[in-house]
PDB file of N, CA and C in Angstrom:
ATOM      1  N   MET A   1      22.181  10.061   0.143  1.00  0.00           N
ATOM      2  CA  MET A   1      20.964   9.758   0.864  1.00  0.00           C
ATOM      3  C   MET A   1      20.175  11.014   1.224  1.00  0.00           C
ATOM      4  N   ALA A   2      20.818  12.148   1.232  1.00  0.00           N
ATOM      5  CA  ALA A   2      20.138  13.393   1.601  1.00  0.00           C
ATOM      6  C   ALA A   2      18.969  13.690   0.665  1.00  0.00           C
ATOM      7  N   HIS A   3      19.047  13.200  -0.567  1.00  0.00           N
ATOM      8  CA  HIS A   3      17.962  13.450  -1.517  1.00  0.00           C
ATOM      9  C   HIS A   3      16.666  12.735  -1.121  1.00  0.00           C
ATOM     10  N   LEU A   4      16.755  11.775  -0.205  1.00  0.00           N
ATOM     11  CA  LEU A   4      15.560  11.055   0.245  1.00  0.00           C
ATOM     12  C   LEU A   4      14.898  11.700   1.465  1.00  0.00           C
ATOM     13  N   VAL A   5      15.522  12.717   2.029  1.00  0.00           N
ATOM     14  CA  VAL A   5      14.957  13.392   3.205  1.00  0.00           C
ATOM     15  C   VAL A   5      13.530  13.874   2.945  1.00  0.00           C
ATOM     16  N   PRO A   6      13.238  14.516   1.810  1.00  0.00           N
ATOM     17  CA  PRO A   6      11.849  14.942   1.567  1.00  0.00           C
ATOM     18  C   PRO A   6      10.858  13.773   1.520  1.00  0.00           C
ATOM     19  N   VAL A   7      11.296  12.626   1.052  1.00  0.00           N
ATOM     20  CA  VAL A   7      10.428  11.441   1.008  1.00  0.00           C
ATOM     21  C   VAL A   7      10.134  10.972   2.428  1.00  0.00           C
ATOM     22  N   ILE A   8      11.167  10.913   3.248  1.00  0.00           N
ATOM     23  CA  ILE A   8      10.995  10.510   4.649  1.00  0.00           C
ATOM     24  C   ILE A   8      10.074  11.501   5.364  1.00  0.00           C
ATOM     25  N   GLU A   9      10.259  12.777   5.099  1.00  0.00           N
ATOM     26  CA  GLU A   9       9.402  13.791   5.724  1.00  0.00           C
ATOM     27  C   GLU A   9       7.954  13.643   5.269  1.00  0.00           C
ATOM     28  N   ALA A  10       7.731  13.348   3.992  1.00  0.00           N
ATOM     29  CA  ALA A  10       6.367  13.136   3.491  1.00  0.00           C
ATOM     30  C   ALA A  10       5.726  11.938   4.175  1.00  0.00           C
ATOM     31  N   ILE A  11       6.495  10.882   4.360  1.00  0.00           N
ATOM     32  CA  ILE A  11       5.983   9.695   5.045  1.00  0.00           C
ATOM     33  C   ILE A  11       5.670  10.030   6.503  1.00  0.00           C
ATOM     34  N   ALA A  12       6.561  10.753   7.151  1.00  0.00           N
ATOM     35  CA  ALA A  12       6.379  11.089   8.566  1.00  0.00           C
ATOM     36  C   ALA A  12       5.154  11.980   8.790  1.00  0.00           C
ATOM     37  N   ARG A  13       4.795  12.782   7.786  1.00  0.00           N
ATOM     38  CA  ARG A  13       3.631  13.667   7.909  1.00  0.00           C
ATOM     39  C   ARG A  13       2.318  12.984   7.517  1.00  0.00           C
ATOM     40  N   THR A  14       2.385  11.736   7.159  1.00  0.00           N
ATOM     41  CA  THR A  14       1.179  11.011   6.755  1.00  0.00           C
ATOM     42  C   THR A  14       0.235  10.888   7.948  1.00  0.00           C
ATOM     43  N   PRO A  15      -1.029  11.246   7.762  1.00  0.00           N
ATOM     44  CA  PRO A  15      -1.991  11.142   8.863  1.00  0.00           C
ATOM     45  C   PRO A  15      -2.049   9.724   9.434  1.00  0.00           C
ATOM     46  N   THR A  16      -2.235   9.639  10.729  1.00  0.00           N
ATOM     47  CA  THR A  16      -2.287   8.357  11.428  1.00  0.00           C
ATOM     48  C   THR A  16      -3.301   7.404  10.798  1.00  0.00           C
ATOM     49  N   ALA A  17      -4.424   7.929  10.362  1.00  0.00           N
ATOM     50  CA  ALA A  17      -5.473   7.082   9.775  1.00  0.00           C
ATOM     51  C   ALA A  17      -4.967   6.314   8.558  1.00  0.00           C
ATOM     52  N   ALA A  18      -4.067   6.892   7.801  1.00  0.00           N
ATOM     53  CA  ALA A  18      -3.563   6.234   6.594  1.00  0.00           C
ATOM     54  C   ALA A  18      -2.731   4.998   6.922  1.00  0.00           C
ATOM     55  N   TRP A  19      -2.130   4.983   8.099  1.00  0.00           N
ATOM     56  CA  TRP A  19      -1.282   3.861   8.489  1.00  0.00           C
ATOM     57  C   TRP A  19      -2.114   2.612   8.774  1.00  0.00           C
ATOM     58  N   ALA A  20      -3.394   2.756   9.020  1.00  0.00           N
ATOM     59  CA  ALA A  20      -4.244   1.630   9.410  1.00  0.00           C
ATOM     60  C   ALA A  20      -5.136   1.113   8.285  1.00  0.00           C
ATOM     61  N   ILE A  21      -5.047   1.692   7.103  1.00  0.00           N
ATOM     62  CA  ILE A  21      -5.922   1.274   5.999  1.00  0.00           C
ATOM     63  C   ILE A  21      -5.452  -0.064   5.437  1.00  0.00           C
ATOM     64  N   ASP A  22      -6.397  -0.987   5.312  1.00  0.00           N
ATOM     65  CA  ASP A  22      -6.132  -2.286   4.721  1.00  0.00           C
ATOM     66  C   ASP A  22      -7.170  -2.506   3.619  1.00  0.00           C
ATOM     67  N   ALA A  23      -6.971  -3.490   2.783  1.00  0.00           N
ATOM     68  CA  ALA A  23      -7.832  -3.681   1.613  1.00  0.00           C
ATOM     69  C   ALA A  23      -9.306  -3.826   1.965  1.00  0.00           C
ATOM     70  N   ASP A  24      -9.618  -4.391   3.119  1.00  0.00           N
ATOM     71  CA  ASP A  24     -11.025  -4.540   3.489  1.00  0.00           C
ATOM     72  C   ASP A  24     -11.664  -3.199   3.859  1.00  0.00           C
ATOM     73  N   GLY A  25     -10.858  -2.168   4.029  1.00  0.00           N
ATOM     74  CA  GLY A  25     -11.365  -0.850   4.396  1.00  0.00           C
ATOM     75  C   GLY A  25     -11.226   0.187   3.300  1.00  0.00           C
ATOM     76  N   TYR A  26     -11.135  -0.250   2.053  1.00  0.00           N
ATOM     77  CA  TYR A  26     -11.029   0.684   0.930  1.00  0.00           C
ATOM     78  C   TYR A  26     -12.392   1.312   0.655  1.00  0.00           C
ATOM     79  N   THR A  27     -12.696   2.352   1.368  1.00  0.00           N
ATOM     80  CA  THR A  27     -13.885   3.158   1.127  1.00  0.00           C
ATOM     81  C   THR A  27     -13.461   4.329   0.255  1.00  0.00           C
ATOM     82  N   PRO A  28     -14.403   5.068  -0.312  1.00  0.00           N
ATOM     83  CA  PRO A  28     -13.995   6.249  -1.087  1.00  0.00           C
ATOM     84  C   PRO A  28     -13.128   7.209  -0.264  1.00  0.00           C
ATOM     85  N   GLU A  29     -13.473   7.406   0.999  1.00  0.00           N
ATOM     86  CA  GLU A  29     -12.682   8.301   1.856  1.00  0.00           C
ATOM     87  C   GLU A  29     -11.277   7.746   2.081  1.00  0.00           C
ATOM     88  N   ALA A  30     -11.172   6.456   2.361  1.00  0.00           N
ATOM     89  CA  ALA A  30      -9.866   5.827   2.569  1.00  0.00           C
ATOM     90  C   ALA A  30      -9.027   5.890   1.291  1.00  0.00           C
ATOM     91  N   CYS A  31      -9.666   5.673   0.153  1.00  0.00           N
ATOM     92  CA  CYS A  31      -8.947   5.736  -1.128  1.00  0.00           C
ATOM     93  C   CYS A  31      -8.412   7.141  -1.377  1.00  0.00           C
ATOM     94  N   ARG A  32      -9.204   8.151  -1.046  1.00  0.00           N
ATOM     95  CA  ARG A  32      -8.720   9.533  -1.214  1.00  0.00           C
ATOM     96  C   ARG A  32      -7.518   9.794  -0.319  1.00  0.00           C
ATOM     97  N   LEU A  33      -7.533   9.263   0.892  1.00  0.00           N
ATOM     98  CA  LEU A  33      -6.404   9.424   1.800  1.00  0.00           C
ATOM     99  C   LEU A  33      -5.167   8.707   1.256  1.00  0.00           C
ATOM    100  N   LEU A  34      -5.350   7.511   0.717  1.00  0.00           N
ATOM    101  CA  LEU A  34      -4.237   6.793   0.107  1.00  0.00           C
ATOM    102  C   LEU A  34      -3.687   7.552  -1.102  1.00  0.00           C
ATOM    103  N   LEU A  35      -4.574   8.088  -1.920  1.00  0.00           N
ATOM    104  CA  LEU A  35      -4.135   8.832  -3.099  1.00  0.00           C
ATOM    105  C   LEU A  35      -3.441  10.134  -2.713  1.00  0.00           C
ATOM    106  N   ASP A  36      -3.910  10.773  -1.644  1.00  0.00           N
ATOM    107  CA  ASP A  36      -3.244  11.978  -1.155  1.00  0.00           C
ATOM    108  C   ASP A  36      -1.842  11.630  -0.651  1.00  0.00           C
ATOM    109  N   THR A  37      -1.730  10.520   0.054  1.00  0.00           N
ATOM    110  CA  THR A  37      -0.428  10.058   0.530  1.00  0.00           C
ATOM    111  C   THR A  37       0.493   9.780  -0.648  1.00  0.00           C
ATOM    112  N   ALA A  38      -0.024   9.088  -1.660  1.00  0.00           N
ATOM    113  CA  ALA A  38       0.765   8.796  -2.862  1.00  0.00           C
ATOM    114  C   ALA A  38       1.215  10.084  -3.541  1.00  0.00           C
ATOM    115  N   SER A  39       0.332  11.054  -3.608  1.00  0.00           N
ATOM    116  CA  SER A  39       0.655  12.335  -4.246  1.00  0.00           C
ATOM    117  C   SER A  39       1.785  13.055  -3.500  1.00  0.00           C
ATOM    118  N   ARG A  40       1.719  13.043  -2.172  1.00  0.00           N
ATOM    119  CA  ARG A  40       2.758  13.711  -1.385  1.00  0.00           C
ATOM    120  C   ARG A  40       4.103  12.992  -1.520  1.00  0.00           C
ATOM    121  N   ILE A  41       4.081  11.666  -1.564  1.00  0.00           N
ATOM    122  CA  ILE A  41       5.327  10.912  -1.753  1.00  0.00           C
ATOM    123  C   ILE A  41       5.885  11.199  -3.141  1.00  0.00           C
ATOM    124  N   ARG A  42       5.019  11.188  -4.145  1.00  0.00           N
ATOM    125  CA  ARG A  42       5.449  11.458  -5.525  1.00  0.00           C
ATOM    126  C   ARG A  42       6.085  12.846  -5.630  1.00  0.00           C
ATOM    127  N   ALA A  43       5.460  13.826  -4.998  1.00  0.00           N
ATOM    128  CA  ALA A  43       5.953  15.205  -5.058  1.00  0.00           C
ATOM    129  C   ALA A  43       7.270  15.390  -4.311  1.00  0.00           C
ATOM    130  N   ALA A  44       7.606  14.471  -3.417  1.00  0.00           N
ATOM    131  CA  ALA A  44       8.846  14.581  -2.643  1.00  0.00           C
ATOM    132  C   ALA A  44      10.079  14.247  -3.485  1.00  0.00           C
ATOM    133  N   PHE A  45       9.865  13.647  -4.635  1.00  0.00           N
ATOM    134  CA  PHE A  45      10.963  13.363  -5.551  1.00  0.00           C
ATOM    135  C   PHE A  45      11.097  14.540  -6.508  1.00  0.00           C
ATOM    136  N   PRO A  46      12.295  15.069  -6.688  1.00  0.00           N
ATOM    137  CA  PRO A  46      12.472  16.246  -7.560  1.00  0.00           C
ATOM    138  C   PRO A  46      11.920  16.051  -8.972  1.00  0.00           C
ATOM    139  N   GLU A  47      12.053  14.861  -9.515  1.00  0.00           N
ATOM    140  CA  GLU A  47      11.593  14.578 -10.873  1.00  0.00           C
ATOM    141  C   GLU A  47      10.235  13.880 -10.873  1.00  0.00           C
ATOM    142  N   GLY A  48       9.599  13.782  -9.712  1.00  0.00           N
ATOM    143  CA  GLY A  48       8.374  13.012  -9.599  1.00  0.00           C
ATOM    144  C   GLY A  48       8.720  11.538  -9.460  1.00  0.00           C
ATOM    145  N   ALA A  49       7.732  10.686  -9.415  1.00  0.00           N
ATOM    146  CA  ALA A  49       7.970   9.249  -9.271  1.00  0.00           C
ATOM    147  C   ALA A  49       6.835   8.494  -9.944  1.00  0.00           C
ATOM    148  N   THR A  50       7.140   7.320 -10.404  1.00  0.00           N
ATOM    149  CA  THR A  50       6.138   6.481 -11.068  1.00  0.00           C
ATOM    150  C   THR A  50       5.185   5.874 -10.043  1.00  0.00           C
ATOM    151  N   ASP A  51       4.043   5.406 -10.519  1.00  0.00           N
ATOM    152  CA  ASP A  51       3.119   4.677  -9.651  1.00  0.00           C
ATOM    153  C   ASP A  51       3.816   3.466  -9.038  1.00  0.00           C
ATOM    154  N   THR A  52       4.679   2.825  -9.811  1.00  0.00           N
ATOM    155  CA  THR A  52       5.378   1.643  -9.316  1.00  0.00           C
ATOM    156  C   THR A  52       6.231   1.996  -8.104  1.00  0.00           C
ATOM    157  N   LEU A  53       7.040   3.039  -8.212  1.00  0.00           N
ATOM    158  CA  LEU A  53       7.892   3.428  -7.095  1.00  0.00           C
ATOM    159  C   LEU A  53       7.063   3.877  -5.892  1.00  0.00           C
ATOM    160  N   VAL A  54       6.076   4.707  -6.138  1.00  0.00           N
ATOM    161  CA  VAL A  54       5.248   5.223  -5.036  1.00  0.00           C
ATOM    162  C   VAL A  54       4.527   4.085  -4.320  1.00  0.00           C
ATOM    163  N   THR A  55       3.940   3.177  -5.063  1.00  0.00           N
ATOM    164  CA  THR A  55       3.191   2.090  -4.415  1.00  0.00           C
ATOM    165  C   THR A  55       4.123   1.072  -3.749  1.00  0.00           C
ATOM    166  N   LYS A  56       5.324   0.901  -4.276  1.00  0.00           N
ATOM    167  CA  LYS A  56       6.279   0.016  -3.592  1.00  0.00           C
ATOM    168  C   LYS A  56       6.685   0.626  -2.254  1.00  0.00           C
ATOM    169  N   ILE A  57       6.854   1.929  -2.218  1.00  0.00           N
ATOM    170  CA  ILE A  57       7.155   2.614  -0.956  1.00  0.00           C
ATOM    171  C   ILE A  57       5.976   2.448   0.003  1.00  0.00           C
ATOM    172  N   MET A  58       4.768   2.681  -0.493  1.00  0.00           N
ATOM    173  CA  MET A  58       3.585   2.574   0.365  1.00  0.00           C
ATOM    174  C   MET A  58       3.375   1.147   0.860  1.00  0.00           C
ATOM    175  N   LEU A  59       3.639   0.163   0.022  1.00  0.00           N
ATOM    176  CA  LEU A  59       3.522  -1.230   0.448  1.00  0.00           C
ATOM    177  C   LEU A  59       4.546  -1.531   1.531  1.00  0.00           C
ATOM    178  N   GLY A  60       5.781  -1.104   1.310  1.00  0.00           N
ATOM    179  CA  GLY A  60       6.837  -1.386   2.270  1.00  0.00           C
ATOM    180  C   GLY A  60       6.670  -0.664   3.595  1.00  0.00           C
ATOM    181  N   VAL A  61       6.193   0.575   3.550  1.00  0.00           N
ATOM    182  CA  VAL A  61       6.069   1.376   4.773  1.00  0.00           C
ATOM    183  C   VAL A  61       4.744   1.131   5.478  1.00  0.00           C
ATOM    184  N   PHE A  62       3.655   1.223   4.739  1.00  0.00           N
ATOM    185  CA  PHE A  62       2.320   1.153   5.341  1.00  0.00           C
ATOM    186  C   PHE A  62       1.641  -0.205   5.160  1.00  0.00           C
ATOM    187  N   GLY A  63       2.001  -0.930   4.115  1.00  0.00           N
ATOM    188  CA  GLY A  63       1.309  -2.177   3.795  1.00  0.00           C
ATOM    189  C   GLY A  63      -0.108  -1.925   3.313  1.00  0.00           C
ATOM    190  N   SER A  64      -0.342  -0.740   2.757  1.00  0.00           N
ATOM    191  CA  SER A  64      -1.719  -0.323   2.461  1.00  0.00           C
ATOM    192  C   SER A  64      -2.174  -0.541   1.027  1.00  0.00           C
ATOM    193  N   VAL A  65      -1.253  -0.672   0.107  1.00  0.00           N
ATOM    194  CA  VAL A  65      -1.617  -0.894  -1.295  1.00  0.00           C
ATOM    195  C   VAL A  65      -0.652  -1.910  -1.908  1.00  0.00           C
ATOM    196  N   PRO A  66      -1.102  -2.639  -2.912  1.00  0.00           N
ATOM    197  CA  PRO A  66      -0.154  -3.511  -3.616  1.00  0.00           C
ATOM    198  C   PRO A  66       0.776  -2.660  -4.480  1.00  0.00           C
ATOM    199  N   ALA A  67       1.906  -3.207  -4.837  1.00  0.00           N
ATOM    200  CA  ALA A  67       2.827  -2.504  -5.731  1.00  0.00           C
ATOM    201  C   ALA A  67       2.249  -2.549  -7.148  1.00  0.00           C
ATOM    202  N   TYR A  68       2.021  -1.393  -7.717  1.00  0.00           N
ATOM    203  CA  TYR A  68       1.463  -1.295  -9.062  1.00  0.00           C
ATOM    204  C   TYR A  68       2.583  -1.452 -10.086  1.00  0.00           C
ATOM    205  N   ASP A  69       3.204  -2.611 -10.102  1.00  0.00           N
ATOM    206  CA  ASP A  69       4.248  -2.871 -11.078  1.00  0.00           C
ATOM    207  C   ASP A  69       3.631  -3.468 -12.340  1.00  0.00           C
ATOM    208  N   THR A  70       4.447  -3.784 -13.300  1.00  0.00           N
ATOM    209  CA  THR A  70       3.962  -4.293 -14.584  1.00  0.00           C
ATOM    210  C   THR A  70       3.097  -5.539 -14.419  1.00  0.00           C
ATOM    211  N   ASN A  71       3.543  -6.472 -13.592  1.00  0.00           N
ATOM    212  CA  ASN A  71       2.793  -7.719 -13.425  1.00  0.00           C
ATOM    213  C   ASN A  71       1.444  -7.487 -12.757  1.00  0.00           C
ATOM    214  N   PHE A  72       1.415  -6.639 -11.725  1.00  0.00           N
ATOM    215  CA  PHE A  72       0.139  -6.370 -11.062  1.00  0.00           C
ATOM    216  C   PHE A  72      -0.817  -5.674 -12.026  1.00  0.00           C
ATOM    217  N   ARG A  73      -0.335  -4.661 -12.733  1.00  0.00           N
ATOM    218  CA  ARG A  73      -1.199  -3.931 -13.672  1.00  0.00           C
ATOM    219  C   ARG A  73      -1.772  -4.864 -14.734  1.00  0.00           C
ATOM    220  N   LYS A  74      -0.920  -5.709 -15.257  1.00  0.00           N
ATOM    221  CA  LYS A  74      -1.374  -6.642 -16.294  1.00  0.00           C
ATOM    222  C   LYS A  74      -2.375  -7.648 -15.711  1.00  0.00           C
ATOM    223  N   GLY A  75      -2.044  -8.226 -14.573  1.00  0.00           N
ATOM    224  CA  GLY A  75      -2.908  -9.238 -13.971  1.00  0.00           C
ATOM    225  C   GLY A  75      -4.231  -8.691 -13.472  1.00  0.00           C
ATOM    226  N   PHE A  76      -4.195  -7.455 -12.957  1.00  0.00           N
ATOM    227  CA  PHE A  76      -5.412  -6.878 -12.403  1.00  0.00           C
ATOM    228  C   PHE A  76      -6.167  -6.037 -13.430  1.00  0.00           C
ATOM    229  N   GLY A  77      -5.540  -5.820 -14.580  1.00  0.00           N
ATOM    230  CA  GLY A  77      -6.200  -5.080 -15.652  1.00  0.00           C
ATOM    231  C   GLY A  77      -6.403  -3.613 -15.333  1.00  0.00           C
ATOM    232  N   THR A  78      -5.391  -2.985 -14.764  1.00  0.00           N
ATOM    233  CA  THR A  78      -5.483  -1.568 -14.448  1.00  0.00           C
ATOM    234  C   THR A  78      -4.286  -0.838 -15.026  1.00  0.00           C
ATOM    235  N   ALA A  79      -4.484   0.402 -15.412  1.00  0.00           N
ATOM    236  CA  ALA A  79      -3.413   1.173 -16.030  1.00  0.00           C
ATOM    237  C   ALA A  79      -2.642   2.017 -15.026  1.00  0.00           C
ATOM    238  N   PHE A  80      -3.317   2.468 -13.966  1.00  0.00           N
ATOM    239  CA  PHE A  80      -2.641   3.353 -13.019  1.00  0.00           C
ATOM    240  C   PHE A  80      -3.335   3.346 -11.665  1.00  0.00           C
ATOM    241  N   LEU A  81      -2.636   3.876 -10.681  1.00  0.00           N
ATOM    242  CA  LEU A  81      -3.167   4.019  -9.333  1.00  0.00           C
ATOM    243  C   LEU A  81      -4.234   5.099  -9.324  1.00  0.00           C
ATOM    244  N   GLY A  82      -5.421   4.746  -8.918  1.00  0.00           N
ATOM    245  CA  GLY A  82      -6.522   5.700  -8.851  1.00  0.00           C
ATOM    246  C   GLY A  82      -7.631   5.154  -7.967  1.00  0.00           C
ATOM    247  N   GLU A  83      -8.624   5.986  -7.696  1.00  0.00           N
ATOM    248  CA  GLU A  83      -9.709   5.570  -6.808  1.00  0.00           C
ATOM    249  C   GLU A  83     -10.441   4.349  -7.341  1.00  0.00           C
ATOM    250  N   SER A  84     -10.700   4.319  -8.639  1.00  0.00           N
ATOM    251  CA  SER A  84     -11.461   3.180  -9.176  1.00  0.00           C
ATOM    252  C   SER A  84     -10.672   1.872  -9.050  1.00  0.00           C
ATOM    253  N   SER A  85      -9.360   1.907  -9.281  1.00  0.00           N
ATOM    254  CA  SER A  85      -8.595   0.663  -9.149  1.00  0.00           C
ATOM    255  C   SER A  85      -8.494   0.247  -7.683  1.00  0.00           C
ATOM    256  N   LEU A  86      -8.352   1.203  -6.768  1.00  0.00           N
ATOM    257  CA  LEU A  86      -8.319   0.859  -5.345  1.00  0.00           C
ATOM    258  C   LEU A  86      -9.654   0.262  -4.905  1.00  0.00           C
ATOM    259  N   MET A  87     -10.755   0.841  -5.364  1.00  0.00           N
ATOM    260  CA  MET A  87     -12.070   0.306  -5.008  1.00  0.00           C
ATOM    261  C   MET A  87     -12.240  -1.111  -5.556  1.00  0.00           C
ATOM    262  N   ARG A  88     -11.724  -1.372  -6.759  1.00  0.00           N
ATOM    263  CA  ARG A  88     -11.776  -2.724  -7.333  1.00  0.00           C
ATOM    264  C   ARG A  88     -10.979  -3.706  -6.488  1.00  0.00           C
ATOM    265  N   ILE A  89      -9.811  -3.274  -6.002  1.00  0.00           N
ATOM    266  CA  ILE A  89      -8.994  -4.133  -5.140  1.00  0.00           C
ATOM    267  C   ILE A  89      -9.765  -4.451  -3.859  1.00  0.00           C
ATOM    268  N   GLY A  90     -10.361  -3.434  -3.263  1.00  0.00           N
ATOM    269  CA  GLY A  90     -11.146  -3.641  -2.048  1.00  0.00           C
ATOM    270  C   GLY A  90     -12.287  -4.608  -2.271  1.00  0.00           C
ATOM    271  N   ARG A  91     -12.994  -4.446  -3.383  1.00  0.00           N
ATOM    272  CA  ARG A  91     -14.111  -5.339  -3.722  1.00  0.00           C
ATOM    273  C   ARG A  91     -13.597  -6.768  -3.932  1.00  0.00           C
ATOM    274  N   PHE A  92     -12.489  -6.887  -4.656  1.00  0.00           N
ATOM    275  CA  PHE A  92     -11.902  -8.208  -4.903  1.00  0.00           C
ATOM    276  C   PHE A  92     -11.526  -8.878  -3.586  1.00  0.00           C
ATOM    277  N   TYR A  93     -10.911  -8.109  -2.692  1.00  0.00           N
ATOM    278  CA  TYR A  93     -10.535  -8.693  -1.407  1.00  0.00           C
ATOM    279  C   TYR A  93     -11.778  -9.160  -0.646  1.00  0.00           C
ATOM    280  N   ARG A  94     -12.765  -8.301  -0.525  1.00  0.00           N
ATOM    281  CA  ARG A  94     -13.963  -8.656   0.246  1.00  0.00           C
ATOM    282  C   ARG A  94     -14.660  -9.883  -0.334  1.00  0.00           C
ATOM    283  N   GLU A  95     -14.697  -9.993  -1.674  1.00  0.00           N
ATOM    284  CA  GLU A  95     -15.350 -11.125  -2.315  1.00  0.00           C
ATOM    285  C   GLU A  95     -14.550 -12.427  -2.163  1.00  0.00           C
ATOM    286  N   ASN A  96     -13.257 -12.300  -1.895  1.00  0.00           N
ATOM    287  CA  ASN A  96     -12.390 -13.479  -1.827  1.00  0.00           C
ATOM    288  C   ASN A  96     -11.644 -13.587  -0.489  1.00  0.00           C
ATOM    289  N   ALA A  97     -12.126 -12.889   0.517  1.00  0.00           N
ATOM    290  CA  ALA A  97     -11.428 -12.810   1.805  1.00  0.00           C
ATOM    291  C   ALA A  97     -11.166 -14.177   2.423  1.00  0.00           C
ATOM    292  N   GLU A  98     -12.134 -15.060   2.340  1.00  0.00           N
ATOM    293  CA  GLU A  98     -11.969 -16.375   2.967  1.00  0.00           C
ATOM    294  C   GLU A  98     -10.762 -17.118   2.389  1.00  0.00           C
ATOM    295  N   VAL A  99     -10.623 -17.099   1.093  1.00  0.00           N
ATOM    296  CA  VAL A  99      -9.505 -17.791   0.446  1.00  0.00           C
ATOM    297  C   VAL A  99      -8.197 -17.044   0.704  1.00  0.00           C
ATOM    298  N   ILE A 100      -8.205 -15.741   0.516  1.00  0.00           N
ATOM    299  CA  ILE A 100      -6.986 -14.947   0.708  1.00  0.00           C
ATOM    300  C   ILE A 100      -6.476 -15.084   2.138  1.00  0.00           C
ATOM    301  N   ASP A 101      -7.363 -14.997   3.105  1.00  0.00           N
ATOM    302  CA  ASP A 101      -6.947 -15.035   4.507  1.00  0.00           C
ATOM    303  C   ASP A 101      -6.350 -16.381   4.914  1.00  0.00           C
ATOM    304  N   ARG A 102      -6.737 -17.426   4.222  1.00  0.00           N
ATOM    305  CA  ARG A 102      -6.164 -18.747   4.519  1.00  0.00           C
ATOM    306  C   ARG A 102      -4.665 -18.781   4.217  1.00  0.00           C
ATOM    307  N   PHE A 103      -4.230 -17.910   3.311  1.00  0.00           N
ATOM    308  CA  PHE A 103      -2.839 -17.927   2.881  1.00  0.00           C
ATOM    309  C   PHE A 103      -2.018 -16.771   3.447  1.00  0.00           C
ATOM    310  N   ARG A 104      -2.611 -15.966   4.323  1.00  0.00           N
ATOM    311  CA  ARG A 104      -1.854 -14.885   4.953  1.00  0.00           C
ATOM    312  C   ARG A 104      -0.922 -15.485   5.994  1.00  0.00           C
ATOM    313  N   VAL A 105       0.326 -15.123   5.924  1.00  0.00           N
ATOM    314  CA  VAL A 105       1.329 -15.679   6.832  1.00  0.00           C
ATOM    315  C   VAL A 105       1.664 -14.676   7.927  1.00  0.00           C
ATOM    316  N   PRO A 106       2.138 -15.173   9.068  1.00  0.00           N
ATOM    317  CA  PRO A 106       2.499 -14.257  10.146  1.00  0.00           C
ATOM    318  C   PRO A 106       3.818 -13.545   9.859  1.00  0.00           C
ATOM    319  N   THR A 107       3.945 -12.372  10.437  1.00  0.00           N
ATOM    320  CA  THR A 107       5.230 -11.684  10.369  1.00  0.00           C
ATOM    321  C   THR A 107       6.171 -12.380  11.347  1.00  0.00           C
ATOM    322  N   LEU A 108       7.452 -12.090  11.211  1.00  0.00           N
ATOM    323  CA  LEU A 108       8.448 -12.703  12.081  1.00  0.00           C
ATOM    324  C   LEU A 108       9.065 -11.649  12.987  1.00  0.00           C
ATOM    325  N   ASP A 109       9.367 -12.048  14.200  1.00  0.00           N
ATOM    326  CA  ASP A 109      10.059 -11.174  15.134  1.00  0.00           C
ATOM    327  C   ASP A 109      11.482 -10.966  14.627  1.00  0.00           C
ATOM    328  N   PHE A 110      11.923  -9.712  14.558  1.00  0.00           N
ATOM    329  CA  PHE A 110      13.228  -9.392  13.994  1.00  0.00           C
ATOM    330  C   PHE A 110      14.362 -10.047  14.777  1.00  0.00           C
ATOM    331  N   ASP A 111      14.282  -9.995  16.090  1.00  0.00           N
ATOM    332  CA  ASP A 111      15.379 -10.525  16.916  1.00  0.00           C
ATOM    333  C   ASP A 111      15.415 -12.050  16.973  1.00  0.00           C
ATOM    334  N   SER A 112      14.261 -12.661  17.203  1.00  0.00           N
ATOM    335  CA  SER A 112      14.247 -14.114  17.423  1.00  0.00           C
ATOM    336  C   SER A 112      13.942 -14.922  16.164  1.00  0.00           C
ATOM    337  N   GLY A 113      13.287 -14.299  15.194  1.00  0.00           N
ATOM    338  CA  GLY A 113      12.871 -15.031  14.004  1.00  0.00           C
ATOM    339  C   GLY A 113      11.595 -15.826  14.216  1.00  0.00           C
ATOM    340  N   ALA A 114      11.038 -15.744  15.422  1.00  0.00           N
ATOM    341  CA  ALA A 114       9.808 -16.468  15.739  1.00  0.00           C
ATOM    342  C   ALA A 114       8.593 -15.780  15.122  1.00  0.00           C
ATOM    343  N   GLU A 115       7.570 -16.572  14.824  1.00  0.00           N
ATOM    344  CA  GLU A 115       6.330 -16.015  14.293  1.00  0.00           C
ATOM    345  C   GLU A 115       5.664 -15.131  15.344  1.00  0.00           C
ATOM    346  N   THR A 116       5.019 -14.058  14.881  1.00  0.00           N
ATOM    347  CA  THR A 116       4.261 -13.174  15.768  1.00  0.00           C
ATOM    348  C   THR A 116       2.770 -13.410  15.549  1.00  0.00           C
ATOM    349  N   ASP A 117       1.952 -12.715  16.308  1.00  0.00           N
ATOM    350  CA  ASP A 117       0.500 -12.798  16.132  1.00  0.00           C
ATOM    351  C   ASP A 117       0.026 -11.902  15.000  1.00  0.00           C
ATOM    352  N   ARG A 118       0.887 -11.070  14.482  1.00  0.00           N
ATOM    353  CA  ARG A 118       0.530 -10.133  13.427  1.00  0.00           C
ATOM    354  C   ARG A 118       0.688 -10.789  12.067  1.00  0.00           C
ATOM    355  N   ARG A 119      -0.301 -10.613  11.206  1.00  0.00           N
ATOM    356  CA  ARG A 119      -0.252 -11.163   9.834  1.00  0.00           C
ATOM    357  C   ARG A 119       0.164 -10.072   8.856  1.00  0.00           C
ATOM    358  N   TYR A 120       0.702 -10.492   7.733  1.00  0.00           N
ATOM    359  CA  TYR A 120       1.019  -9.519   6.693  1.00  0.00           C
ATOM    360  C   TYR A 120      -0.259  -8.823   6.262  1.00  0.00           C
ATOM    361  N   PRO A 121      -0.183  -7.559   5.869  1.00  0.00           N
ATOM    362  CA  PRO A 121      -1.373  -6.826   5.436  1.00  0.00           C
ATOM    363  C   PRO A 121      -2.029  -7.490   4.224  1.00  0.00           C
ATOM    364  N   GLU A 122      -3.315  -7.241   4.058  1.00  0.00           N
ATOM    365  CA  GLU A 122      -4.082  -7.835   2.961  1.00  0.00           C
ATOM    366  C   GLU A 122      -3.527  -7.487   1.578  1.00  0.00           C
ATOM    367  N   PRO A 123      -3.120  -6.243   1.320  1.00  0.00           N
ATOM    368  CA  PRO A 123      -2.594  -5.952  -0.019  1.00  0.00           C
ATOM    369  C   PRO A 123      -1.308  -6.693  -0.360  1.00  0.00           C
ATOM    370  N   LYS A 124      -0.575  -7.103   0.635  1.00  0.00           N
ATOM    371  CA  LYS A 124       0.678  -7.803   0.385  1.00  0.00           C
ATOM    372  C   LYS A 124       0.384  -9.209  -0.104  1.00  0.00           C
TER     373      LYS A 124
END
């Protein structure tokens, strides 16, 4: 597990603003912050890391981007994580927010299992 310490440190050094980015707020500035975060996480792995691994980490930790796995790339028609694909995701969300938001489910309280007032992030 010691090999993951640099990844944890990269996450811990992520600017506070990056923790609050959601798909409806994908501006060019926000996208650059997300890409900088992805770059720092990628660099924390000795051999580097794929977009899939980096975005799965970012989805799990921040909830800020979808996981760029094979199915997402194929379905969304994108080859890699970049500003243009993030901007497309933001545009897609804003154009379809009413439908997407109808299906957003609440998170659950860890101890009780009860629903909370917090919803899963938009990229999820």
